């Protein structure tokens, strides 16, 4: 249970005449939680929770720099951003761990809709395949004016992308 719902259920148990242990068993929360809210008024509860903010994270003061890197180079991975931060802030970055930077990068990508590296690679791969398809359609002329000798091994390597399982020659 969270928030005002928990507070109201605890107050309801109190009004029903249950003691703190019974309310704890009934609601499935610890007796410490029950004690915290048992004698609290609604005004006190609102004051407590309206004043609370999220806990400050280690990398909050570096978010602006991290966003700059992500928007400028969205293909950067968390490890690359960590390395750049260590170069730029050598004293402060001693305590930065990869998992902390990775979590922060993931949150920043979600909050600011920054595409991740795999999206960029997929777009690049799509453009390469599109270019290769257009090139193949230009080279395969009805009159067969272009001989196969012109097609060098370097051109053939452009038409296949074995890592992605793509072979532009599959139609021949």
Protein backbone atom coordinates (compact mmCIF):
# COMPACT_ATOMS: atom_id res chain seq x y z
CA UNK A 1 0.00 0.00 0.00
CA UNK A 2 1.22 3.48 -0.75
CA UNK A 3 0.43 7.02 0.18
CA UNK A 4 -2.91 8.31 1.28
CA UNK A 5 -4.59 4.93 0.78
CA UNK A 6 -2.38 3.36 3.44
CA UNK A 7 -2.94 6.27 5.81
CA UNK A 8 -6.71 6.10 5.37
CA UNK A 9 -6.84 2.31 5.89
CA UNK A 10 -4.81 2.63 9.10
CA UNK A 11 -7.16 5.34 10.34
CA UNK A 12 -10.15 3.16 9.40
CA UNK A 13 -8.74 0.28 11.48
CA UNK A 14 -8.26 2.69 14.37
CA UNK A 15 -11.90 3.85 14.09
CA UNK A 16 -13.08 0.22 13.94
CA UNK A 17 -11.51 -0.38 17.35
CA UNK A 18 -8.59 -2.57 16.32
CA UNK A 19 -5.33 -2.25 18.22
CA UNK A 20 -2.01 -1.65 16.44
CA UNK A 21 -1.03 -5.34 16.23
CA UNK A 22 -4.42 -6.32 14.82
CA UNK A 23 -4.28 -3.51 12.27
CA UNK A 24 -0.80 -4.66 11.28
CA UNK A 25 -2.01 -8.21 10.66
CA UNK A 26 -5.19 -7.02 8.92
CA UNK A 27 -3.38 -4.72 6.48
CA UNK A 28 -0.23 -6.77 6.06
CA UNK A 29 2.15 -3.94 6.98
CA UNK A 30 4.73 -3.68 9.73
CA UNK A 31 3.85 -2.44 13.19
CA UNK A 32 6.38 0.37 12.70
CA UNK A 33 4.34 1.68 9.78
CA UNK A 34 1.17 1.42 11.85
CA UNK A 35 2.82 3.32 14.75
CA UNK A 36 4.03 6.03 12.37
CA UNK A 37 0.53 6.81 11.06
CA UNK A 38 -1.64 5.77 14.05
CA UNK A 39 -1.81 9.10 15.87
CA UNK A 40 -1.06 11.32 12.89
CA UNK A 41 -3.69 13.83 11.80
CA UNK A 42 -4.56 14.35 8.15
CA UNK A 43 -2.93 17.79 8.20
CA UNK A 44 0.29 16.30 9.60
CA UNK A 45 0.24 13.57 6.94
CA UNK A 46 -0.21 16.10 4.11
CA UNK A 47 2.53 18.30 5.52
CA UNK A 48 4.87 15.31 5.75
CA UNK A 49 4.25 14.05 2.22
CA UNK A 50 3.89 17.35 0.39
CA UNK A 51 7.28 18.46 1.66
CA UNK A 52 9.02 15.25 0.67
CA UNK A 53 10.87 15.19 -2.61
CA UNK A 54 12.81 12.48 -4.32
CA UNK A 55 16.19 11.71 -2.90
CA UNK A 56 19.10 13.43 -4.64
CA UNK A 57 21.09 11.08 -6.83
CA UNK A 58 24.85 11.15 -7.30
CA UNK A 59 24.67 12.20 -10.94
CA UNK A 60 21.99 14.90 -10.64
CA UNK A 61 24.53 17.69 -11.00
CA UNK A 62 25.94 16.05 -14.16
CA UNK A 63 22.62 15.54 -15.97
CA UNK A 64 23.07 18.58 -18.18
CA UNK A 65 26.42 17.33 -19.47
CA UNK A 66 25.08 13.80 -19.95
CA UNK A 67 22.07 15.11 -21.89
CA UNK A 68 24.39 17.18 -24.07
CA UNK A 69 26.37 14.04 -24.91
CA UNK A 70 23.24 11.98 -25.57
CA UNK A 71 21.63 14.55 -27.84
CA UNK A 72 24.85 15.23 -29.72
CA UNK A 73 25.90 11.58 -30.03
CA UNK A 74 22.94 9.33 -29.32
CA UNK A 75 24.98 6.27 -30.27
CA UNK A 76 27.14 6.69 -27.14
CA UNK A 77 26.87 3.85 -24.69
CA UNK A 78 26.90 4.26 -20.94
CA UNK A 79 30.52 3.11 -20.73
CA UNK A 80 31.59 5.79 -23.22
CA UNK A 81 29.71 8.46 -21.28
CA UNK A 82 31.40 7.27 -18.09
CA UNK A 83 34.82 7.55 -19.76
CA UNK A 84 34.05 11.07 -20.99
CA UNK A 85 32.87 12.08 -17.53
CA UNK A 86 36.08 10.72 -16.01
CA UNK A 87 38.06 12.83 -18.46
CA UNK A 88 36.06 15.97 -17.82
CA UNK A 89 35.58 15.58 -14.04
CA UNK A 90 38.58 13.50 -12.89
CA UNK A 91 38.26 14.14 -9.15
CA UNK A 92 34.50 13.74 -8.87
CA UNK A 93 34.28 10.79 -11.27
CA UNK A 94 36.50 8.55 -9.14
CA UNK A 95 33.40 7.39 -7.29
CA UNK A 96 31.19 6.91 -10.36
CA UNK A 97 30.36 3.30 -11.10
CA UNK A 98 29.22 1.91 -14.42
CA UNK A 99 25.91 0.71 -13.01
CA UNK A 100 25.12 4.20 -11.66
CA UNK A 101 25.88 5.87 -14.99
CA UNK A 102 24.01 3.16 -16.89
CA UNK A 103 20.88 3.66 -14.75
CA UNK A 104 21.06 7.44 -15.16
CA UNK A 105 21.55 7.20 -18.95
CA UNK A 106 18.57 4.85 -19.20
CA UNK A 107 16.40 7.27 -17.18
CA UNK A 108 17.54 10.27 -19.24
CA UNK A 109 16.81 8.44 -22.50
CA UNK A 110 13.30 7.65 -21.28
CA UNK A 111 12.55 11.10 -19.85
CA UNK A 112 13.83 13.04 -22.86
CA UNK A 113 12.96 10.53 -25.62
CA UNK A 114 16.56 10.10 -26.78
CA UNK A 115 16.85 7.04 -29.03
CA UNK A 116 19.40 4.50 -27.91
CA UNK A 117 22.36 3.17 -29.88
CA UNK A 118 20.56 0.12 -31.27
CA UNK A 119 17.97 2.39 -32.90
CA UNK A 120 20.74 4.38 -34.59
CA UNK A 121 22.41 1.21 -35.84
CA UNK A 122 19.12 -0.06 -37.23
CA UNK A 123 18.54 3.21 -39.08
CA UNK A 124 22.08 3.11 -40.46
CA UNK A 125 21.62 -0.51 -41.52
CA UNK A 126 18.31 0.34 -43.20
CA UNK A 127 19.91 3.22 -45.12
CA UNK A 128 22.78 0.97 -46.21
CA UNK A 129 20.38 -1.72 -47.44
CA UNK A 130 18.26 0.88 -49.22
CA UNK A 131 21.36 2.28 -50.93
CA UNK A 132 22.52 -1.21 -51.93
CA UNK A 133 19.09 -2.06 -53.35
CA UNK A 134 19.07 1.10 -55.44
CA UNK A 135 22.60 0.39 -56.64
CA UNK A 136 21.70 -3.18 -57.57
CA UNK A 137 18.66 -2.01 -59.52
CA UNK A 138 20.81 0.48 -61.42
CA UNK A 139 23.42 -2.15 -62.27
CA UNK A 140 21.01 -4.83 -63.46
CA UNK A 141 20.07 -3.34 -66.81
CA UNK A 142 17.99 -5.18 -69.42
CA UNK A 143 20.75 -4.81 -71.98
CA UNK A 144 23.35 -6.22 -69.56
CA UNK A 145 25.69 -3.39 -70.50
CA UNK A 146 27.72 -3.72 -67.36
CA UNK A 147 29.90 -6.79 -67.33
CA UNK A 148 30.44 -8.81 -64.21
CA UNK A 149 34.14 -7.97 -64.32
CA UNK A 150 33.31 -4.41 -63.23
CA UNK A 151 31.79 -5.72 -60.02
CA UNK A 152 34.87 -5.91 -57.85
CA UNK A 153 35.10 -7.73 -54.56
CA UNK A 154 34.85 -4.43 -52.69
CA UNK A 155 31.51 -3.69 -54.32
CA UNK A 156 30.30 -7.19 -53.53
CA UNK A 157 31.24 -6.71 -49.88
CA UNK A 158 29.08 -3.59 -49.76
CA UNK A 159 26.07 -5.59 -50.88
CA UNK A 160 26.14 -8.13 -48.11
CA UNK A 161 25.99 -7.55 -44.41
CA UNK A 162 26.70 -10.96 -42.86
CA UNK A 163 26.44 -9.76 -39.23
CA UNK A 164 22.78 -8.94 -39.76
CA UNK A 165 22.09 -11.92 -42.03
CA UNK A 166 21.44 -9.64 -45.02
CA UNK A 167 22.59 -10.60 -48.48
CA UNK A 168 21.58 -8.31 -51.30
CA UNK A 169 22.56 -10.97 -53.86
CA UNK A 170 19.89 -13.38 -52.69
CA UNK A 171 17.66 -12.44 -55.63
CA UNK A 172 20.14 -13.65 -58.26
